[in-house]
Amino acid sequence: MGGVSLNPEIDRDRIMRDYIFAPTFIENLRRAKRETDPSFHKMLSDFVLSNLKYHIDDAENKSPVRLKLERFLNRHKVKEIEGLIHALKLP
């Protein structure tokens, strides 16, 4: 399962990837909310959270049920970043 590693260099790389891709994920989520079925938006939201918040490895190849289970199991590892939404400067 994913999570935070003990290797600071790996954590730094992941943080940089998340910082680069988070705005794209958020933009796609907002577009999906406007243009798609609510069930698809929910599935996409869960996928984005699995990647960005819960750091679940290989999330794109896991079922929604598996992702939900792994999010539950990893919930204690999540470290919220205060003010992240403002730091990303999302509209």
PDB file of N, CA and C in Angstrom:
ATOM      1  N   MET A   1       0.831  -1.181   0.000  1.00  0.00           N
ATOM      2  CA  MET A   1       0.000   0.000   0.000  1.00  0.00           C
ATOM      3  C   MET A   1       0.869   1.235   0.000  1.00  0.00           C
ATOM      4  N   GLY A   2       0.276   2.354  -0.419  1.00  0.00           N
ATOM      5  CA  GLY A   2       0.991   3.620  -0.505  1.00  0.00           C
ATOM      6  C   GLY A   2       1.195   4.217   0.863  1.00  0.00           C
ATOM      7  N   GLY A   3       1.607   5.435   0.855  1.00  0.00           N
ATOM      8  CA  GLY A   3       1.842   6.143   2.092  1.00  0.00           C
ATOM      9  C   GLY A   3       3.119   6.932   1.993  1.00  0.00           C
ATOM     10  N   VAL A   4       3.504   7.503   3.085  1.00  0.00           N
ATOM     11  CA  VAL A   4       4.704   8.319   3.119  1.00  0.00           C
ATOM     12  C   VAL A   4       5.893   7.408   3.360  1.00  0.00           C
ATOM     13  N   SER A   5       6.937   7.584   2.560  1.00  0.00           N
ATOM     14  CA  SER A   5       8.124   6.749   2.722  1.00  0.00           C
ATOM     15  C   SER A   5       9.014   7.322   3.804  1.00  0.00           C
ATOM     16  N   LEU A   6      10.039   6.581   4.146  1.00  0.00           N
ATOM     17  CA  LEU A   6      11.030   7.064   5.099  1.00  0.00           C
ATOM     18  C   LEU A   6      12.186   7.751   4.385  1.00  0.00           C
ATOM     19  N   ASN A   7      12.174   7.758   3.079  1.00  0.00           N
ATOM     20  CA  ASN A   7      13.237   8.363   2.283  1.00  0.00           C
ATOM     21  C   ASN A   7      12.830   9.789   1.906  1.00  0.00           C
ATOM     22  N   PRO A   8      13.514  10.810   2.480  1.00  0.00           N
ATOM     23  CA  PRO A   8      13.125  12.198   2.203  1.00  0.00           C
ATOM     24  C   PRO A   8      13.178  12.552   0.719  1.00  0.00           C
ATOM     25  N   GLU A   9      14.079  11.948  -0.037  1.00  0.00           N
ATOM     26  CA  GLU A   9      14.189  12.264  -1.463  1.00  0.00           C
ATOM     27  C   GLU A   9      12.963  11.764  -2.226  1.00  0.00           C
ATOM     28  N   ILE A  10      12.471  10.581  -1.876  1.00  0.00           N
ATOM     29  CA  ILE A  10      11.259  10.056  -2.511  1.00  0.00           C
ATOM     30  C   ILE A  10      10.070  10.936  -2.144  1.00  0.00           C
ATOM     31  N   ASP A  11       9.968  11.330  -0.876  1.00  0.00           N
ATOM     32  CA  ASP A  11       8.878  12.207  -0.448  1.00  0.00           C
ATOM     33  C   ASP A  11       8.937  13.534  -1.190  1.00  0.00           C
ATOM     34  N   ARG A  12      10.125  14.093  -1.363  1.00  0.00           N
ATOM     35  CA  ARG A  12      10.290  15.356  -2.079  1.00  0.00           C
ATOM     36  C   ARG A  12       9.822  15.213  -3.519  1.00  0.00           C
ATOM     37  N   ASP A  13      10.205  14.126  -4.168  1.00  0.00           N
ATOM     38  CA  ASP A  13       9.792  13.886  -5.551  1.00  0.00           C
ATOM     39  C   ASP A  13       8.272  13.773  -5.664  1.00  0.00           C
ATOM     40  N   ARG A  14       7.675  13.066  -4.733  1.00  0.00           N
ATOM     41  CA  ARG A  14       6.219  12.896  -4.769  1.00  0.00           C
ATOM     42  C   ARG A  14       5.514  14.233  -4.553  1.00  0.00           C
ATOM     43  N   ILE A  15       6.026  15.023  -3.618  1.00  0.00           N
ATOM     44  CA  ILE A  15       5.436  16.331  -3.346  1.00  0.00           C
ATOM     45  C   ILE A  15       5.511  17.209  -4.588  1.00  0.00           C
ATOM     46  N   MET A  16       6.632  17.190  -5.276  1.00  0.00           N
ATOM     47  CA  MET A  16       6.787  17.995  -6.488  1.00  0.00           C
ATOM     48  C   MET A  16       5.821  17.521  -7.583  1.00  0.00           C
ATOM     49  N   ARG A  17       5.691  16.208  -7.754  1.00  0.00           N
ATOM     50  CA  ARG A  17       4.743  15.685  -8.751  1.00  0.00           C
ATOM     51  C   ARG A  17       3.321  16.093  -8.402  1.00  0.00           C
ATOM     52  N   ASP A  18       2.967  15.967  -7.124  1.00  0.00           N
ATOM     53  CA  ASP A  18       1.625  16.345  -6.690  1.00  0.00           C
ATOM     54  C   ASP A  18       1.378  17.828  -6.931  1.00  0.00           C
ATOM     55  N   TYR A  19       2.373  18.656  -6.650  1.00  0.00           N
ATOM     56  CA  TYR A  19       2.233  20.099  -6.837  1.00  0.00           C
ATOM     57  C   TYR A  19       2.017  20.441  -8.310  1.00  0.00           C
ATOM     58  N   ILE A  20       2.715  19.733  -9.173  1.00  0.00           N
ATOM     59  CA  ILE A  20       2.598  19.978 -10.612  1.00  0.00           C
ATOM     60  C   ILE A  20       1.250  19.504 -11.148  1.00  0.00           C
ATOM     61  N   PHE A  21       0.804  18.325 -10.713  1.00  0.00           N
ATOM     62  CA  PHE A  21      -0.399  17.731 -11.291  1.00  0.00           C
ATOM     63  C   PHE A  21      -1.694  18.088 -10.568  1.00  0.00           C
ATOM     64  N   ALA A  22      -1.628  18.566  -9.343  1.00  0.00           N
ATOM     65  CA  ALA A  22      -2.854  18.878  -8.594  1.00  0.00           C
ATOM     66  C   ALA A  22      -3.755  19.869  -9.314  1.00  0.00           C
ATOM     67  N   PRO A  23      -3.240  20.971  -9.843  1.00  0.00           N
ATOM     68  CA  PRO A  23      -4.143  21.904 -10.538  1.00  0.00           C
ATOM     69  C   PRO A  23      -4.870  21.257 -11.720  1.00  0.00           C
ATOM     70  N   THR A  24      -4.191  20.377 -12.453  1.00  0.00           N
ATOM     71  CA  THR A  24      -4.828  19.687 -13.580  1.00  0.00           C
ATOM     72  C   THR A  24      -5.927  18.760 -13.077  1.00  0.00           C
ATOM     73  N   PHE A  25      -5.638  18.021 -12.005  1.00  0.00           N
ATOM     74  CA  PHE A  25      -6.654  17.145 -11.412  1.00  0.00           C
ATOM     75  C   PHE A  25      -7.875  17.959 -11.000  1.00  0.00           C
ATOM     76  N   ILE A  26      -7.639  19.077 -10.321  1.00  0.00           N
ATOM     77  CA  ILE A  26      -8.744  19.898  -9.818  1.00  0.00           C
ATOM     78  C   ILE A  26      -9.556  20.482 -10.977  1.00  0.00           C
ATOM     79  N   GLU A  27      -8.868  20.955 -11.993  1.00  0.00           N
ATOM     80  CA  GLU A  27      -9.561  21.498 -13.169  1.00  0.00           C
ATOM     81  C   GLU A  27     -10.443  20.436 -13.819  1.00  0.00           C
ATOM     82  N   ASN A  28      -9.906  19.230 -13.963  1.00  0.00           N
ATOM     83  CA  ASN A  28     -10.686  18.134 -14.557  1.00  0.00           C
ATOM     84  C   ASN A  28     -11.879  17.748 -13.683  1.00  0.00           C
ATOM     85  N   LEU A  29     -11.691  17.787 -12.359  1.00  0.00           N
ATOM     86  CA  LEU A  29     -12.799  17.492 -11.454  1.00  0.00           C
ATOM     87  C   LEU A  29     -13.924  18.509 -11.618  1.00  0.00           C
ATOM     88  N   ARG A  30     -13.546  19.772 -11.692  1.00  0.00           N
ATOM     89  CA  ARG A  30     -14.562  20.817 -11.840  1.00  0.00           C
ATOM     90  C   ARG A  30     -15.299  20.691 -13.166  1.00  0.00           C
ATOM     91  N   ARG A  31     -14.559  20.369 -14.220  1.00  0.00           N
ATOM     92  CA  ARG A  31     -15.200  20.196 -15.526  1.00  0.00           C
ATOM     93  C   ARG A  31     -16.130  18.982 -15.494  1.00  0.00           C
ATOM     94  N   ALA A  32     -15.680  17.903 -14.875  1.00  0.00           N
ATOM     95  CA  ALA A  32     -16.513  16.699 -14.782  1.00  0.00           C
ATOM     96  C   ALA A  32     -17.784  16.976 -13.995  1.00  0.00           C
ATOM     97  N   LYS A  33     -17.682  17.803 -12.973  1.00  0.00           N
ATOM     98  CA  LYS A  33     -18.876  18.130 -12.179  1.00  0.00           C
ATOM     99  C   LYS A  33     -19.918  18.851 -13.036  1.00  0.00           C
ATOM    100  N   ARG A  34     -19.447  19.725 -13.926  1.00  0.00           N
ATOM    101  CA  ARG A  34     -20.356  20.482 -14.791  1.00  0.00           C
ATOM    102  C   ARG A  34     -20.898  19.641 -15.942  1.00  0.00           C
ATOM    103  N   GLU A  35     -20.068  18.736 -16.487  1.00  0.00           N
ATOM    104  CA  GLU A  35     -20.381  18.118 -17.769  1.00  0.00           C
ATOM    105  C   GLU A  35     -20.725  16.626 -17.728  1.00  0.00           C
ATOM    106  N   THR A  36     -20.626  15.987 -16.590  1.00  0.00           N
ATOM    107  CA  THR A  36     -20.848  14.537 -16.557  1.00  0.00           C
ATOM    108  C   THR A  36     -21.886  14.163 -15.502  1.00  0.00           C
ATOM    109  N   ASP A  37     -22.197  12.909 -15.501  1.00  0.00           N
ATOM    110  CA  ASP A  37     -23.116  12.328 -14.527  1.00  0.00           C
ATOM    111  C   ASP A  37     -22.510  12.435 -13.117  1.00  0.00           C
ATOM    112  N   PRO A  38     -23.328  12.694 -12.095  1.00  0.00           N
ATOM    113  CA  PRO A  38     -22.810  12.784 -10.723  1.00  0.00           C
ATOM    114  C   PRO A  38     -22.039  11.544 -10.263  1.00  0.00           C
ATOM    115  N   SER A  39     -22.427  10.362 -10.738  1.00  0.00           N
ATOM    116  CA  SER A  39     -21.710   9.147 -10.317  1.00  0.00           C
ATOM    117  C   SER A  39     -20.291   9.121 -10.889  1.00  0.00           C
ATOM    118  N   PHE A  40     -20.118   9.643 -12.102  1.00  0.00           N
ATOM    119  CA  PHE A  40     -18.767   9.711 -12.675  1.00  0.00           C
ATOM    120  C   PHE A  40     -17.930  10.729 -11.914  1.00  0.00           C
ATOM    121  N   HIS A  41     -18.536  11.858 -11.567  1.00  0.00           N
ATOM    122  CA  HIS A  41     -17.812  12.878 -10.794  1.00  0.00           C
ATOM    123  C   HIS A  41     -17.369  12.310  -9.452  1.00  0.00           C
ATOM    124  N   LYS A  42     -18.223  11.558  -8.799  1.00  0.00           N
ATOM    125  CA  LYS A  42     -17.877  10.940  -7.508  1.00  0.00           C
ATOM    126  C   LYS A  42     -16.709   9.973  -7.676  1.00  0.00           C
ATOM    127  N   MET A  43     -16.753   9.142  -8.706  1.00  0.00           N
ATOM    128  CA  MET A  43     -15.677   8.183  -8.947  1.00  0.00           C
ATOM    129  C   MET A  43     -14.360   8.920  -9.214  1.00  0.00           C
ATOM    130  N   LEU A  44     -14.411   9.978 -10.021  1.00  0.00           N
ATOM    131  CA  LEU A  44     -13.209  10.749 -10.327  1.00  0.00           C
ATOM    132  C   LEU A  44     -12.674  11.441  -9.073  1.00  0.00           C
ATOM    133  N   SER A  45     -13.560  11.982  -8.247  1.00  0.00           N
ATOM    134  CA  SER A  45     -13.150  12.617  -6.989  1.00  0.00           C
ATOM    135  C   SER A  45     -12.435  11.624  -6.082  1.00  0.00           C
ATOM    136  N   ASP A  46     -12.989  10.436  -5.965  1.00  0.00           N
ATOM    137  CA  ASP A  46     -12.365   9.402  -5.137  1.00  0.00           C
ATOM    138  C   ASP A  46     -10.985   9.023  -5.670  1.00  0.00           C
ATOM    139  N   PHE A  47     -10.857   8.967  -6.999  1.00  0.00           N
ATOM    140  CA  PHE A  47      -9.568   8.640  -7.610  1.00  0.00           C
ATOM    141  C   PHE A  47      -8.533   9.729  -7.311  1.00  0.00           C
ATOM    142  N   VAL A  48      -8.945  10.987  -7.451  1.00  0.00           N
ATOM    143  CA  VAL A  48      -8.020  12.099  -7.186  1.00  0.00           C
ATOM    144  C   VAL A  48      -7.590  12.087  -5.722  1.00  0.00           C
ATOM    145  N   LEU A  49      -8.532  11.890  -4.814  1.00  0.00           N
ATOM    146  CA  LEU A  49      -8.175  11.802  -3.392  1.00  0.00           C
ATOM    147  C   LEU A  49      -7.240  10.636  -3.117  1.00  0.00           C
ATOM    148  N   SER A  50      -7.478   9.523  -3.770  1.00  0.00           N
ATOM    149  CA  SER A  50      -6.615   8.351  -3.586  1.00  0.00           C
ATOM    150  C   SER A  50      -5.175   8.674  -3.971  1.00  0.00           C
ATOM    151  N   ASN A  51      -5.016   9.464  -5.019  1.00  0.00           N
ATOM    152  CA  ASN A  51      -3.678   9.838  -5.473  1.00  0.00           C
ATOM    153  C   ASN A  51      -3.052  10.933  -4.629  1.00  0.00           C
ATOM    154  N   LEU A  52      -3.741  12.043  -4.497  1.00  0.00           N
ATOM    155  CA  LEU A  52      -3.137  13.225  -3.897  1.00  0.00           C
ATOM    156  C   LEU A  52      -3.154  13.239  -2.373  1.00  0.00           C
ATOM    157  N   LYS A  53      -4.185  12.733  -1.780  1.00  0.00           N
ATOM    158  CA  LYS A  53      -4.291  12.795  -0.328  1.00  0.00           C
ATOM    159  C   LYS A  53      -3.788  11.524   0.352  1.00  0.00           C
ATOM    160  N   TYR A  54      -4.163  10.388  -0.203  1.00  0.00           N
ATOM    161  CA  TYR A  54      -3.829   9.123   0.448  1.00  0.00           C
ATOM    162  C   TYR A  54      -2.607   8.432  -0.137  1.00  0.00           C
ATOM    163  N   HIS A  55      -2.089   8.943  -1.231  1.00  0.00           N
ATOM    164  CA  HIS A  55      -0.871   8.411  -1.871  1.00  0.00           C
ATOM    165  C   HIS A  55      -0.940   6.900  -2.095  1.00  0.00           C
ATOM    166  N   ILE A  56      -2.042   6.456  -2.649  1.00  0.00           N
ATOM    167  CA  ILE A  56      -2.214   5.032  -2.926  1.00  0.00           C
ATOM    168  C   ILE A  56      -1.495   4.704  -4.228  1.00  0.00           C
ATOM    169  N   ASP A  57      -0.532   3.806  -4.118  1.00  0.00           N
ATOM    170  CA  ASP A  57       0.241   3.400  -5.283  1.00  0.00           C
ATOM    171  C   ASP A  57      -0.637   2.662  -6.283  1.00  0.00           C
ATOM    172  N   ASP A  58      -0.420   2.928  -7.555  1.00  0.00           N
ATOM    173  CA  ASP A  58      -1.085   2.212  -8.641  1.00  0.00           C
ATOM    174  C   ASP A  58      -2.612   2.349  -8.584  1.00  0.00           C
ATOM    175  N   ALA A  59      -3.075   3.506  -8.123  1.00  0.00           N
ATOM    176  CA  ALA A  59      -4.522   3.725  -7.947  1.00  0.00           C
ATOM    177  C   ALA A  59      -5.291   3.566  -9.245  1.00  0.00           C
ATOM    178  N   GLU A  60      -4.678   3.925 -10.346  1.00  0.00           N
ATOM    179  CA  GLU A  60      -5.391   3.859 -11.625  1.00  0.00           C
ATOM    180  C   GLU A  60      -5.731   2.428 -12.032  1.00  0.00           C
ATOM    181  N   ASN A  61      -5.090   1.453 -11.422  1.00  0.00           N
ATOM    182  CA  ASN A  61      -5.347   0.052 -11.754  1.00  0.00           C
ATOM    183  C   ASN A  61      -6.162  -0.672 -10.687  1.00  0.00           C
ATOM    184  N   LYS A  62      -6.746   0.080  -9.755  1.00  0.00           N
ATOM    185  CA  LYS A  62      -7.510  -0.543  -8.672  1.00  0.00           C
ATOM    186  C   LYS A  62      -8.987  -0.190  -8.804  1.00  0.00           C
ATOM    187  N   SER A  63      -9.808  -1.080  -8.331  1.00  0.00           N
ATOM    188  CA  SER A  63     -11.255  -0.860  -8.389  1.00  0.00           C
ATOM    189  C   SER A  63     -11.659   0.200  -7.371  1.00  0.00           C
ATOM    190  N   PRO A  64     -12.813   0.826  -7.579  1.00  0.00           N
ATOM    191  CA  PRO A  64     -13.301   1.804  -6.593  1.00  0.00           C
ATOM    192  C   PRO A  64     -13.442   1.213  -5.185  1.00  0.00           C
ATOM    193  N   VAL A  65     -13.830  -0.038  -5.100  1.00  0.00           N
ATOM    194  CA  VAL A  65     -13.975  -0.684  -3.788  1.00  0.00           C
ATOM    195  C   VAL A  65     -12.604  -0.837  -3.125  1.00  0.00           C
ATOM    196  N   ARG A  66     -11.612  -1.259  -3.893  1.00  0.00           N
ATOM    197  CA  ARG A  66     -10.253  -1.411  -3.365  1.00  0.00           C
ATOM    198  C   ARG A  66      -9.701  -0.051  -2.915  1.00  0.00           C
ATOM    199  N   LEU A  67      -9.929   0.993  -3.699  1.00  0.00           N
ATOM    200  CA  LEU A  67      -9.457   2.328  -3.325  1.00  0.00           C
ATOM    201  C   LEU A  67     -10.103   2.797  -2.027  1.00  0.00           C
ATOM    202  N   LYS A  68     -11.403   2.544  -1.886  1.00  0.00           N
ATOM    203  CA  LYS A  68     -12.104   2.934  -0.662  1.00  0.00           C
ATOM    204  C   LYS A  68     -11.505   2.226   0.554  1.00  0.00           C
ATOM    205  N   LEU A  69     -11.225   0.952   0.417  1.00  0.00           N
ATOM    206  CA  LEU A  69     -10.618   0.183   1.498  1.00  0.00           C
ATOM    207  C   LEU A  69      -9.235   0.732   1.849  1.00  0.00           C
ATOM    208  N   GLU A  70      -8.419   1.000   0.835  1.00  0.00           N
ATOM    209  CA  GLU A  70      -7.079   1.510   1.094  1.00  0.00           C
ATOM    210  C   GLU A  70      -7.110   2.916   1.684  1.00  0.00           C
ATOM    211  N   ARG A  71      -8.056   3.746   1.267  1.00  0.00           N
ATOM    212  CA  ARG A  71      -8.183   5.071   1.880  1.00  0.00           C
ATOM    213  C   ARG A  71      -8.516   4.929   3.357  1.00  0.00           C
ATOM    214  N   PHE A  72      -9.428   4.009   3.665  1.00  0.00           N
ATOM    215  CA  PHE A  72      -9.794   3.765   5.062  1.00  0.00           C
ATOM    216  C   PHE A  72      -8.574   3.299   5.868  1.00  0.00           C
ATOM    217  N   LEU A  73      -7.819   2.373   5.314  1.00  0.00           N
ATOM    218  CA  LEU A  73      -6.661   1.831   6.022  1.00  0.00           C
ATOM    219  C   LEU A  73      -5.519   2.848   6.160  1.00  0.00           C
ATOM    220  N   ASN A  74      -5.440   3.801   5.241  1.00  0.00           N
ATOM    221  CA  ASN A  74      -4.366   4.800   5.269  1.00  0.00           C
ATOM    222  C   ASN A  74      -4.776   6.128   5.905  1.00  0.00           C
ATOM    223  N   ARG A  75      -5.981   6.216   6.419  1.00  0.00           N
ATOM    224  CA  ARG A  75      -6.478   7.501   6.904  1.00  0.00           C
ATOM    225  C   ARG A  75      -5.623   8.085   8.024  1.00  0.00           C
ATOM    226  N   HIS A  76      -5.013   7.256   8.843  1.00  0.00           N
ATOM    227  CA  HIS A  76      -4.184   7.760   9.939  1.00  0.00           C
ATOM    228  C   HIS A  76      -2.828   8.293   9.455  1.00  0.00           C
ATOM    229  N   LYS A  77      -2.448   7.995   8.214  1.00  0.00           N
ATOM    230  CA  LYS A  77      -1.168   8.454   7.667  1.00  0.00           C
ATOM    231  C   LYS A  77      -1.280   9.814   6.981  1.00  0.00           C
ATOM    232  N   VAL A  78      -2.493  10.275   6.777  1.00  0.00           N
ATOM    233  CA  VAL A  78      -2.710  11.519   6.046  1.00  0.00           C
ATOM    234  C   VAL A  78      -2.244  12.698   6.892  1.00  0.00           C
ATOM    235  N   LYS A  79      -1.454  13.549   6.265  1.00  0.00           N
ATOM    236  CA  LYS A  79      -1.001  14.778   6.914  1.00  0.00           C
ATOM    237  C   LYS A  79      -1.569  15.938   6.114  1.00  0.00           C
ATOM    238  N   GLU A  80      -2.573  16.585   6.696  1.00  0.00           N
ATOM    239  CA  GLU A  80      -3.205  17.715   6.025  1.00  0.00           C
ATOM    240  C   GLU A  80      -2.214  18.871   5.950  1.00  0.00           C
ATOM    241  N   ILE A  81      -2.232  19.574   4.841  1.00  0.00           N
ATOM    242  CA  ILE A  81      -1.379  20.742   4.664  1.00  0.00           C
ATOM    243  C   ILE A  81      -2.283  21.961   4.738  1.00  0.00           C
ATOM    244  N   GLU A  82      -2.145  22.694   5.822  1.00  0.00           N
ATOM    245  CA  GLU A  82      -3.007  23.856   6.030  1.00  0.00           C
ATOM    246  C   GLU A  82      -2.778  24.896   4.932  1.00  0.00           C
ATOM    247  N   GLY A  83      -3.849  25.383   4.355  1.00  0.00           N
ATOM    248  CA  GLY A  83      -3.767  26.415   3.337  1.00  0.00           C
ATOM    249  C   GLY A  83      -3.334  25.919   1.967  1.00  0.00           C
ATOM    250  N   LEU A  84      -3.385  24.610   1.741  1.00  0.00           N
ATOM    251  CA  LEU A  84      -2.916  24.052   0.468  1.00  0.00           C
ATOM    252  C   LEU A  84      -3.691  24.601  -0.716  1.00  0.00           C
ATOM    253  N   ILE A  85      -4.997  24.724  -0.592  1.00  0.00           N
ATOM    254  CA  ILE A  85      -5.808  25.192  -1.711  1.00  0.00           C
ATOM    255  C   ILE A  85      -5.387  26.600  -2.116  1.00  0.00           C
ATOM    256  N   HIS A  86      -4.997  27.419  -1.156  1.00  0.00           N
ATOM    257  CA  HIS A  86      -4.542  28.778  -1.465  1.00  0.00           C
ATOM    258  C   HIS A  86      -3.128  28.766  -2.047  1.00  0.00           C
ATOM    259  N   ALA A  87      -2.289  27.872  -1.563  1.00  0.00           N
ATOM    260  CA  ALA A  87      -0.919  27.769  -2.075  1.00  0.00           C
ATOM    261  C   ALA A  87      -0.900  27.347  -3.542  1.00  0.00           C
ATOM    262  N   LEU A  88      -1.864  26.515  -3.937  1.00  0.00           N
ATOM    263  CA  LEU A  88      -1.933  26.067  -5.332  1.00  0.00           C
ATOM    264  C   LEU A  88      -2.501  27.141  -6.246  1.00  0.00           C
ATOM    265  N   LYS A  89      -3.076  28.189  -5.651  1.00  0.00           N
ATOM    266  CA  LYS A  89      -3.641  29.317  -6.416  1.00  0.00           C
ATOM    267  C   LYS A  89      -4.662  28.853  -7.442  1.00  0.00           C
ATOM    268  N   LEU A  90      -5.560  28.002  -6.982  1.00  0.00           N
ATOM    269  CA  LEU A  90      -6.620  27.500  -7.870  1.00  0.00           C
ATOM    270  C   LEU A  90      -7.742  28.519  -7.924  1.00  0.00           C
ATOM    271  N   PRO A  91      -8.343  28.683  -9.091  1.00  0.00           N
ATOM    272  CA  PRO A  91      -9.452  29.640  -9.203  1.00  0.00           C
ATOM    273  C   PRO A  91     -10.685  29.168  -8.452  1.00  0.00           C
TER     274      PRO A  91
END
